[in-house]
Protein backbone atom coordinates (compact mmCIF):
# COMPACT_ATOMS: atom_id res chain seq x y z
CA MET A 1 0.00 0.00 0.00
CA ILE A 2 1.61 3.24 -1.13
CA SER A 3 1.36 6.39 0.91
CA LYS A 4 -1.11 8.90 -0.46
CA ARG A 5 -0.27 12.21 -2.09
CA GLN A 6 2.56 11.10 -4.35
CA PHE A 7 3.00 12.96 -7.64
CA GLN A 8 5.04 12.88 -10.84
CA ILE A 9 5.74 15.61 -13.41
CA ILE A 10 6.65 15.05 -17.08
CA THR A 11 7.95 18.11 -18.93
CA LEU A 12 8.19 18.65 -22.67
CA GLY A 13 9.50 21.71 -24.46
CA CYS A 14 11.37 24.88 -23.68
CA LYS A 15 13.16 26.42 -20.69
CA VAL A 16 10.00 28.34 -19.76
CA ASN A 17 8.10 25.06 -19.51
CA GLN A 18 10.86 23.60 -17.37
CA TYR A 19 10.68 26.58 -15.04
CA GLU A 20 6.89 26.31 -14.77
CA SER A 21 7.16 22.60 -13.96
CA GLN A 22 9.60 23.39 -11.16
CA PHE A 23 7.16 25.99 -9.83
CA VAL A 24 4.33 23.42 -9.84
CA ARG A 25 6.63 20.88 -8.16
CA GLU A 26 7.34 23.25 -5.29
CA LEU A 27 3.68 24.28 -5.03
CA LEU A 28 2.68 20.63 -4.59
CA GLU A 29 5.47 19.92 -2.12
CA HIS A 30 4.45 22.94 -0.09
CA ALA A 31 0.94 21.44 0.03
CA GLY A 32 2.27 18.19 1.44
CA TRP A 33 2.78 16.13 -1.71
CA THR A 34 5.87 13.96 -2.32
CA GLN A 35 7.47 13.67 -5.75
CA THR A 36 8.41 10.31 -7.23
CA ASP A 37 10.18 9.65 -10.52
CA SER A 38 8.06 6.66 -11.49
CA GLY A 39 5.78 3.96 -10.11
CA GLN A 40 2.25 4.37 -8.82
CA ASN A 41 1.25 7.96 -8.09
CA ASP A 42 -1.90 9.73 -6.95
CA LEU A 43 -1.34 12.72 -9.22
CA CYS A 44 0.48 13.01 -12.56
CA VAL A 45 1.18 16.30 -14.31
CA VAL A 46 2.18 16.51 -17.99
CA ASN A 47 3.51 19.88 -19.16
CA THR A 48 3.16 20.00 -22.94
CA CYS A 49 4.65 21.85 -25.90
CA THR A 50 2.90 22.74 -29.16
CA VAL A 51 5.57 24.43 -31.28
CA THR A 52 5.21 21.71 -33.97
CA HIS A 53 2.85 18.87 -34.85
CA GLU A 54 5.57 16.53 -33.58
CA ALA A 55 5.48 18.30 -30.19
CA ASP A 56 1.73 17.66 -29.99
CA ALA A 57 2.31 13.99 -30.83
CA LYS A 58 4.91 13.68 -28.08
CA GLY A 59 2.44 15.23 -25.65
CA ARG A 60 -0.27 12.74 -26.56
CA GLN A 61 2.19 9.85 -26.24
CA ALA A 62 3.32 11.05 -22.82
CA ILE A 63 -0.26 11.39 -21.59
CA ARG A 64 -1.21 7.90 -22.76
CA ARG A 65 1.93 6.36 -21.26
CA ILE A 66 1.50 8.06 -17.88
CA HIS A 67 -2.14 7.01 -17.72
CA ALA A 68 -1.23 3.39 -18.55
CA GLU A 69 1.37 3.41 -15.77
CA ASN A 70 -0.93 5.19 -13.27
CA PRO A 71 -4.51 4.28 -14.27
CA LYS A 72 -6.01 5.39 -10.94
CA ALA A 73 -4.15 8.71 -10.70
CA ASP A 74 -5.55 12.17 -11.34
CA LEU A 75 -3.94 13.30 -14.62
CA VAL A 76 -3.46 17.05 -15.04
CA VAL A 77 -2.29 18.44 -18.39
CA MET A 78 -0.84 21.95 -18.70
CA GLY A 79 1.41 23.75 -21.16
CA CYS A 80 0.99 25.13 -24.67
CA PHE A 81 -0.74 22.10 -26.25
CA ALA A 82 -3.31 22.21 -23.45
CA THR A 83 -3.86 25.91 -24.11
CA ARG A 84 -4.06 25.55 -27.89
CA ASP A 85 -6.52 22.63 -28.01
CA PRO A 86 -7.99 21.95 -24.54
CA ASN A 87 -10.91 19.92 -25.90
CA ALA A 88 -8.65 17.47 -27.72
CA VAL A 89 -6.45 17.12 -24.63
CA ALA A 90 -9.45 16.58 -22.35
CA GLN A 91 -10.56 13.64 -24.48
CA LEU A 92 -7.25 11.77 -24.10
CA PRO A 93 -7.30 8.70 -21.80
CA GLY A 94 -7.27 9.45 -18.08
CA VAL A 95 -7.16 13.26 -18.28
CA THR A 96 -9.03 14.69 -15.30
CA LYS A 97 -8.06 18.36 -15.58
CA VAL A 98 -6.71 20.66 -18.30
CA ILE A 99 -4.96 23.90 -17.28
CA THR A 100 -5.14 26.51 -20.03
CA ASP A 101 -4.16 29.63 -18.07
CA LYS A 102 -0.46 29.54 -17.20
CA THR A 103 -0.83 32.64 -15.01
CA LYS A 104 -3.08 30.80 -12.54
CA LEU A 105 -1.22 27.58 -11.82
CA ALA A 106 -1.73 27.77 -8.05
CA GLU A 107 -5.43 28.54 -8.39
CA GLU A 108 -5.93 25.72 -10.92
CA LEU A 109 -4.23 23.27 -8.54
CA ALA A 110 -6.35 24.32 -5.54
CA PRO A 111 -8.37 21.03 -5.67
CA PHE A 112 -5.11 19.28 -4.74
CA GLY A 113 -4.54 21.43 -1.67
CA VAL A 114 -2.31 24.01 -3.31
CA LEU A 115 -2.38 27.56 -2.01
CA PRO A 116 -0.91 30.62 -3.83
CA THR A 117 1.83 30.96 -1.25
CA LEU A 118 5.07 30.83 -3.27
CA GLN A 119 6.89 33.72 -4.91
CA GLY A 120 9.08 31.87 -7.38
CA ILE A 121 11.25 28.79 -6.99
CA SER A 122 14.01 27.84 -4.56
CA ARG A 123 15.86 25.15 -6.57
CA PHE A 124 15.99 23.58 -10.03
CA ASP A 125 15.75 19.80 -9.88
CA ASP A 126 17.90 17.66 -12.17
CA HIS A 127 19.89 20.66 -13.41
CA GLN A 128 23.22 22.14 -12.40
CA ARG A 129 22.06 25.51 -13.76
CA ALA A 130 18.86 27.33 -12.78
CA PHE A 131 16.43 28.71 -15.35
CA VAL A 132 14.73 31.90 -14.17
CA LYS A 133 11.56 32.90 -16.00
CA VAL A 134 11.40 36.69 -16.13
CA GLN A 135 8.55 37.28 -18.57
CA ASP A 136 5.82 35.54 -20.54
CA GLY A 137 4.01 36.29 -23.77
CA CYS A 138 4.96 37.41 -27.27
CA LEU A 139 3.68 40.41 -29.18
CA LEU A 140 5.25 39.45 -32.50
CA ASN A 141 3.42 37.84 -35.37
CA CYS A 142 5.97 35.71 -37.20
CA SER A 143 4.13 33.90 -39.97
CA TYR A 144 5.36 30.41 -39.03
CA CYS A 145 4.94 30.52 -35.24
CA ILE A 146 1.97 29.33 -33.17
CA ILE A 147 3.34 30.47 -29.80
CA PRO A 148 1.88 34.03 -29.72
CA SER A 149 -1.60 32.50 -29.89
CA VAL A 150 -0.99 30.27 -26.85
CA ARG A 151 1.14 32.75 -24.89
CA PRO A 152 -0.37 36.12 -25.89
CA GLY A 153 0.06 39.48 -24.28
CA MET A 154 3.07 40.55 -22.25
CA ARG A 155 3.65 39.86 -18.55
CA SER A 156 6.94 40.71 -16.88
CA ARG A 157 7.88 39.92 -13.30
CA SER A 158 9.14 42.78 -11.19
CA ILE A 159 12.88 43.25 -10.81
CA ALA A 160 12.45 42.90 -7.04
CA ASP A 161 10.75 39.48 -7.36
CA ILE A 162 13.37 38.22 -9.82
CA ALA A 163 16.24 39.47 -7.65
CA LEU A 164 14.76 37.71 -4.62
CA GLU A 165 14.47 34.44 -6.53
CA VAL A 166 17.99 34.70 -7.96
CA SER A 167 19.39 35.38 -4.47
CA ARG A 168 17.52 32.36 -3.13
CA LEU A 169 18.89 30.15 -5.89
CA ALA A 170 22.42 31.46 -5.33
CA GLU A 171 22.13 30.63 -1.63
CA ALA A 172 21.07 27.12 -2.66
CA GLY A 173 24.36 26.74 -4.54
CA TYR A 174 23.45 27.50 -8.15
CA GLN A 175 26.31 29.31 -9.85
CA GLU A 176 24.63 30.00 -13.20
CA MET A 177 21.25 31.66 -13.69
CA VAL A 178 19.75 31.48 -17.19
CA LEU A 179 17.29 34.34 -17.71
CA THR A 180 14.51 33.07 -19.92
CA GLY A 181 11.15 34.08 -21.30
CA ILE A 182 8.97 33.70 -24.36
CA HIS A 183 10.36 37.00 -25.67
CA LEU A 184 13.21 37.89 -23.34
CA GLY A 185 14.18 41.08 -25.17
CA HIS A 186 10.73 42.54 -24.52
CA TYR A 187 11.15 42.15 -20.76
CA GLY A 188 9.64 45.14 -19.00
CA LEU A 189 7.62 46.61 -21.89
CA ASP A 190 4.46 46.22 -19.82
CA LEU A 191 6.13 47.50 -16.65
CA SER A 192 7.46 50.60 -18.44
CA LYS A 193 4.45 51.55 -20.55
CA GLY A 194 3.40 55.15 -20.02
CA LEU A 195 6.33 55.94 -17.70
CA PRO A 196 9.19 58.37 -18.30
CA LYS A 197 12.38 56.64 -19.39
CA ASP A 198 14.06 57.11 -16.00
CA LYS A 199 11.27 54.96 -14.47
CA TRP A 200 11.55 52.08 -16.94
CA SER A 201 12.27 48.47 -16.00
CA ARG A 202 13.74 46.93 -19.15
CA LEU A 203 16.09 43.99 -19.67
CA TRP A 204 19.22 46.09 -19.24
CA HIS A 205 17.90 47.44 -15.92
CA LEU A 206 17.27 43.86 -14.78
CA MET A 207 20.82 42.87 -15.77
CA GLU A 208 22.26 45.80 -13.82
CA ASN A 209 20.24 44.98 -10.71
CA LEU A 210 21.20 41.29 -10.76
CA ASP A 211 24.81 42.20 -11.39
CA ALA A 212 24.83 44.15 -8.10
CA LEU A 213 23.51 41.28 -5.95
CA PRO A 214 25.79 39.53 -3.46
CA GLY A 215 26.65 35.89 -4.03
CA ASP A 216 28.69 33.74 -6.36
CA PHE A 217 26.94 33.20 -9.70
CA ARG A 218 27.03 34.13 -13.34
CA ILE A 219 24.16 35.14 -15.65
CA ARG A 220 23.33 33.83 -19.13
CA LEU A 221 20.65 35.26 -21.42
CA SER A 222 18.67 32.49 -23.09
CA SER A 223 17.64 33.98 -26.43
CA LEU A 224 17.32 37.41 -28.02
CA GLU A 225 16.06 39.00 -31.21
CA ALA A 226 18.88 40.72 -33.06
CA ALA A 227 16.68 43.80 -33.45
CA GLU A 228 16.91 44.28 -29.68
CA VAL A 229 20.69 44.70 -29.61
CA ARG A 230 20.53 48.43 -29.00
CA GLU A 231 22.64 51.01 -27.17
CA ASP A 232 21.11 50.67 -23.69
CA PHE A 233 21.40 46.89 -23.85
CA LEU A 234 24.97 46.97 -25.20
CA LYS A 235 26.04 49.41 -22.49
CA ALA A 236 24.71 47.10 -19.76
CA LEU A 237 26.20 44.07 -21.50
CA LYS A 238 29.64 45.69 -21.38
CA GLN A 239 29.37 46.81 -17.75
CA CYS A 240 27.72 43.78 -16.13
CA LYS A 241 30.49 41.46 -14.96
CA ARG A 242 28.19 38.55 -14.19
CA VAL A 243 26.75 38.27 -17.71
CA VAL A 244 28.69 35.70 -19.73
CA PRO A 245 30.06 36.56 -23.21
CA HIS A 246 27.49 34.42 -25.02
CA LEU A 247 24.40 35.60 -26.86
CA HIS A 248 21.85 33.49 -28.72
CA LEU A 249 20.61 35.72 -31.56
CA CYS A 250 17.79 34.14 -33.57
CA LEU A 251 18.49 34.35 -37.31
CA GLN A 252 15.95 31.91 -38.85
CA ALA A 253 16.98 32.90 -42.40
CA GLY A 254 19.62 34.95 -44.18
CA SER A 255 17.53 35.88 -47.21
CA ASP A 256 15.71 39.19 -47.09
CA LYS A 257 12.91 37.69 -49.19
CA ILE A 258 12.39 34.82 -46.74
CA LEU A 259 12.74 37.09 -43.70
CA THR A 260 9.96 39.25 -45.17
CA ALA A 261 7.77 36.18 -45.71
CA MET A 262 8.47 35.10 -42.13
CA ARG A 263 7.57 38.60 -40.90
CA ARG A 264 10.84 38.96 -39.04
CA ARG A 265 11.79 42.48 -37.89
CA TYR A 266 15.29 42.69 -39.39
CA ARG A 267 17.16 42.04 -42.61
CA ARG A 268 20.44 40.28 -43.22
CA ASP A 269 22.62 43.41 -43.16
CA SER A 270 21.16 44.73 -39.91
CA PHE A 271 21.54 41.29 -38.33
CA LEU A 272 25.24 41.20 -39.24
CA ASP A 273 25.67 44.79 -38.07
CA ASN A 274 24.29 43.86 -34.64
CA CYS A 275 26.57 40.83 -34.41
CA GLN A 276 29.47 43.19 -35.04
CA ARG A 277 28.22 45.60 -32.36
CA VAL A 278 28.23 42.76 -29.84
CA ARG A 279 31.82 41.94 -30.78
CA GLU A 280 32.79 45.55 -30.20
CA VAL A 281 31.68 45.44 -26.54
CA LEU A 282 32.59 41.83 -25.64
CA ASP A 283 35.90 40.03 -25.92
CA THR A 284 35.51 37.18 -28.44
CA PRO A 285 31.87 36.46 -27.63
CA ALA A 286 30.16 33.18 -28.47
CA LEU A 287 27.25 33.74 -30.84
CA THR A 288 24.69 30.99 -31.38
CA THR A 289 21.50 30.96 -33.41
CA ASP A 290 18.44 29.18 -34.82
CA VAL A 291 17.90 28.54 -38.52
CA ILE A 292 14.76 27.32 -40.28
CA TYR A 293 15.52 25.76 -43.66
CA GLY A 294 13.05 24.77 -46.37
CA PHE A 295 10.58 27.62 -45.74
CA PRO A 296 7.99 27.90 -48.55
CA GLY A 297 9.49 29.78 -51.46
CA GLU A 298 13.11 29.24 -50.35
CA THR A 299 15.18 29.00 -53.52
CA ASP A 300 18.76 27.77 -53.82
CA GLN A 301 19.91 31.40 -53.73
CA ASP A 302 17.84 32.13 -50.62
CA PHE A 303 19.45 29.15 -48.92
CA GLU A 304 22.92 30.30 -49.98
CA ASP A 305 22.15 33.70 -48.46
CA THR A 306 21.45 31.93 -45.15
CA VAL A 307 24.73 30.01 -45.38
CA ASP A 308 26.53 33.28 -46.12
CA VAL A 309 25.10 35.04 -43.06
CA CYS A 310 26.01 32.08 -40.82
CA GLN A 311 29.58 32.21 -42.07
CA LYS A 312 29.90 35.99 -41.74
CA ALA A 313 28.31 36.02 -38.28
CA GLY A 314 30.76 33.32 -37.12
CA PHE A 315 28.30 31.32 -35.06
CA CYS A 316 29.68 28.62 -32.78
CA LYS A 317 26.38 26.71 -32.74
CA VAL A 318 23.47 26.62 -35.20
CA HIS A 319 20.25 24.96 -34.06
CA LEU A 320 18.59 23.61 -37.21
CA PHE A 321 14.89 23.20 -37.85
CA ALA A 322 13.29 21.89 -41.03
CA TYR A 323 10.25 23.99 -41.82
CA SER A 324 6.98 22.17 -41.27
CA PRO A 325 3.60 23.87 -41.63
CA ARG A 326 1.83 24.62 -38.35
CA LYS A 327 -1.96 24.74 -38.54
CA GLY A 328 -3.18 28.10 -37.32
CA THR A 329 -0.27 30.08 -38.75
CA ASP A 330 -0.26 32.14 -41.93
CA ALA A 331 2.73 30.29 -43.34
CA ALA A 332 0.74 27.05 -43.25
CA LEU A 333 -1.42 28.49 -46.04
CA LEU A 334 1.58 28.86 -48.35
CA PRO A 335 2.18 26.11 -50.92
CA GLU A 336 5.03 23.74 -50.07
CA THR A 337 7.78 24.37 -52.60
CA VAL A 338 10.80 22.66 -51.04
CA GLU A 339 10.90 18.89 -51.46
CA PRO A 340 11.97 16.67 -48.55
CA LYS A 341 15.13 15.53 -50.37
CA ILE A 342 16.14 19.17 -50.88
CA LYS A 343 15.50 19.91 -47.21
CA ALA A 344 17.71 16.94 -46.29
CA ALA A 345 20.50 18.21 -48.54
CA ARG A 346 20.25 21.70 -47.05
CA ARG A 347 20.42 20.30 -43.52
CA LYS A 348 23.55 18.35 -44.47
CA ARG A 349 25.14 21.48 -45.91
CA LEU A 350 24.35 23.56 -42.82
CA LEU A 351 25.80 20.88 -40.55
CA GLU A 352 29.01 20.97 -42.59
CA VAL A 353 29.14 24.76 -42.34
CA GLU A 354 28.48 24.61 -38.61
CA ALA A 355 31.29 22.09 -38.08
CA VAL A 356 33.78 24.46 -39.71
CA LEU A 357 32.51 27.41 -37.67
CA VAL A 358 32.66 25.47 -34.39
CA GLU A 359 36.22 24.30 -35.02
CA LYS A 360 37.28 27.86 -35.88
CA PHE A 361 35.81 29.23 -32.65
CA GLN A 362 37.22 26.37 -30.57
CA THR A 363 40.69 27.10 -31.99
CA GLN A 364 40.39 30.68 -30.74
CA MET A 365 39.81 29.33 -27.23
CA VAL A 366 43.05 27.30 -27.03
CA GLY A 367 45.36 29.02 -24.56
CA ARG A 368 42.54 31.00 -22.95
CA VAL A 369 41.17 30.59 -19.44
CA LEU A 370 37.42 29.84 -19.49
CA ASP A 371 34.96 29.91 -16.61
CA VAL A 372 33.50 26.36 -16.63
CA LEU A 373 30.47 25.10 -14.71
CA VAL A 374 30.76 21.36 -14.00
CA GLU A 375 27.57 19.56 -15.08
CA GLN A 376 28.30 15.85 -15.57
CA PRO A 377 30.97 13.15 -15.68
CA LEU A 378 32.81 12.97 -19.00
CA GLU A 379 31.45 9.96 -20.82
CA ASN A 380 33.87 7.11 -21.50
CA ARG A 381 36.61 8.81 -19.50
CA PRO A 382 36.58 7.86 -15.79
CA GLY A 383 37.97 10.50 -13.44
CA TRP A 384 37.05 13.35 -15.80
CA VAL A 385 34.21 15.85 -15.82
CA ARG A 386 32.65 18.13 -18.39
CA GLY A 387 30.76 21.37 -18.22
CA THR A 388 29.57 24.49 -19.96
CA SER A 389 31.99 27.36 -20.35
CA CYS A 390 31.18 31.05 -20.18
CA ARG A 391 31.48 31.05 -23.97
CA HIS A 392 28.94 28.25 -24.39
CA LEU A 393 31.42 25.56 -25.52
CA GLN A 394 31.72 22.30 -23.61
CA VAL A 395 35.01 21.74 -21.73
CA GLY A 396 36.45 18.56 -20.22
CA PHE A 397 39.07 18.32 -17.47
CA GLU A 398 40.31 15.88 -14.88
CA GLY A 399 38.29 15.71 -11.67
CA VAL A 400 35.85 13.76 -9.52
CA TYR A 401 32.25 14.63 -10.35
CA TRP A 402 30.74 14.34 -6.87
CA ALA A 403 33.28 16.83 -5.50
CA LEU A 404 33.04 19.36 -8.33
CA LYS A 405 29.45 19.24 -9.64
CA LYS A 406 27.48 22.50 -9.88
CA GLN A 407 30.64 24.53 -9.24
CA ARG A 408 32.62 26.81 -11.55
CA PHE A 409 36.35 26.57 -12.19
CA PRO A 410 38.83 28.57 -14.25
CA ILE A 411 40.18 26.14 -16.86
CA ARG A 412 43.08 26.88 -19.19
CA ILE A 413 42.27 25.29 -22.54
CA ASN A 414 45.13 23.17 -23.89
CA LYS A 415 43.69 21.47 -26.95
CA ILE A 416 40.68 20.25 -28.90
CA GLU A 417 40.11 16.51 -28.54
CA LYS A 418 37.40 14.79 -30.56
CA GLY A 419 35.40 18.00 -30.81
CA LEU A 420 35.71 18.83 -27.09
CA LEU A 421 37.82 21.55 -25.50
CA VAL A 422 40.20 19.99 -22.96
CA GLY A 423 42.12 21.86 -20.29
CA ASP A 424 43.49 22.09 -16.75
CA PRO A 425 42.48 24.19 -13.74
CA ILE A 426 44.79 27.17 -13.44
CA PRO A 427 47.32 27.10 -10.55
CA ILE A 428 46.03 27.81 -7.06
CA ASP A 429 47.99 31.05 -6.71
CA GLU A 430 47.06 32.44 -10.11
CA PRO A 431 44.40 35.19 -9.97
CA PHE A 432 41.31 34.95 -12.14
CA ALA A 433 38.88 37.83 -11.72
CA PRO A 434 35.60 36.19 -12.86
CA LEU A 435 35.90 33.64 -10.05
CA SER A 436 37.03 35.96 -7.29
CA GLN A 437 33.97 35.30 -5.13
CA GLY A 438 33.89 31.86 -3.61
CA SER A 439 37.07 30.81 -5.38
CA LYS A 440 38.74 29.55 -2.19
CA LEU A 441 36.11 26.86 -1.74
CA ARG A 442 36.49 25.74 -5.34
CA ARG A 443 40.27 25.66 -5.00
CA LEU A 444 39.85 23.52 -1.91
CA ALA A 445 37.59 21.14 -3.85
CA LEU A 446 40.20 20.76 -6.56
CA GLU A 447 42.97 20.24 -3.99
CA THR A 448 40.88 17.59 -2.24
CA VAL A 449 40.38 15.76 -5.53
CA SER A 450 44.04 15.95 -6.45
CA LEU A 451 45.09 14.64 -3.03
CA GLY A 452 42.45 11.95 -2.80
């Protein structure tokens, strides 16, 4: 006989979904529930994504599987698929409740004893980094994207609430905070509307406030629109010591014709200009991006324009997405003009271009000291760990995972080995400014490992 009030959460999709699942997890725990990873539960929550048809399919599969494993459990479905098509979700096997309003999670979970008592999260389970949701909603109208219809409007958290949550997470030992949102660059538009500029609360003001907090952590921005790389933001980016030199600037396409059809707010030249502006304020920054290939009407020349922008921007990672029509978007009404075999060939070409760009950027890192957050053991290499550097790239070095996990170390990069940067911790007596706070404890951890 299992004890009552056990729950399980399954999360699909983006960093915002992962944050919201963590918030629900802590709400339930605060109400007396106990989380389990599997087995028989009294309550199961599935947090869905709907960015593509495939995301919907994964949501349906997860719901059916969880119900089969827990046939007597209450099954709650939340997330973007639940918001987009609540009737279809409600008809899936075992579903007892569908949450469509992501702003009222506590209220929707009241039947399970939850009270609206929490202001943010205090930890981030199963991650060595903490995602911090700072805003929700998107005001854009990109022709291929369904998300503005399931996360409409604009809702930003106050700087005070975010700062309190970040401080709490730092006290819990998290040394990287990833600021995330549906449209991060629009943070604070709603808070600033109608106010004089000196009363605004925009993303750069948030960065400056978090930069001034006590504690030992760094800040990463999850994703930005290139059109938002403006003077106020660049000034804060240069001055804020906690913000890592890595920006994810969404490209999607390098052809002005395709960008127009996508209803993006920039063109290829302005995108490249903003990449250059970032390089002028940061020392050898890592730039990463998203690219959609095979958009309706994309000719060979349009595709070559995308390749050209990727090469000129010097990305160190390109996330690739084959265009697929999404019902409910304007682009879905366009005739398909790019055959699957052509899409496959374009993906192959972009992967080849990315490999060259990654190797070029990795080569620039050899001899440098990078701030590395240890996240996992290095696979197939006992006694080694790997982690994410300040400049996004993965780094491996010798160490014992249990002693070093979730901590940051200054690592001098010696070489590139099978696509991975490899290095050594810098000597104990060598100063390294980005790790000045808390560095003694990390040095002690490394000394313990080397002696033991």
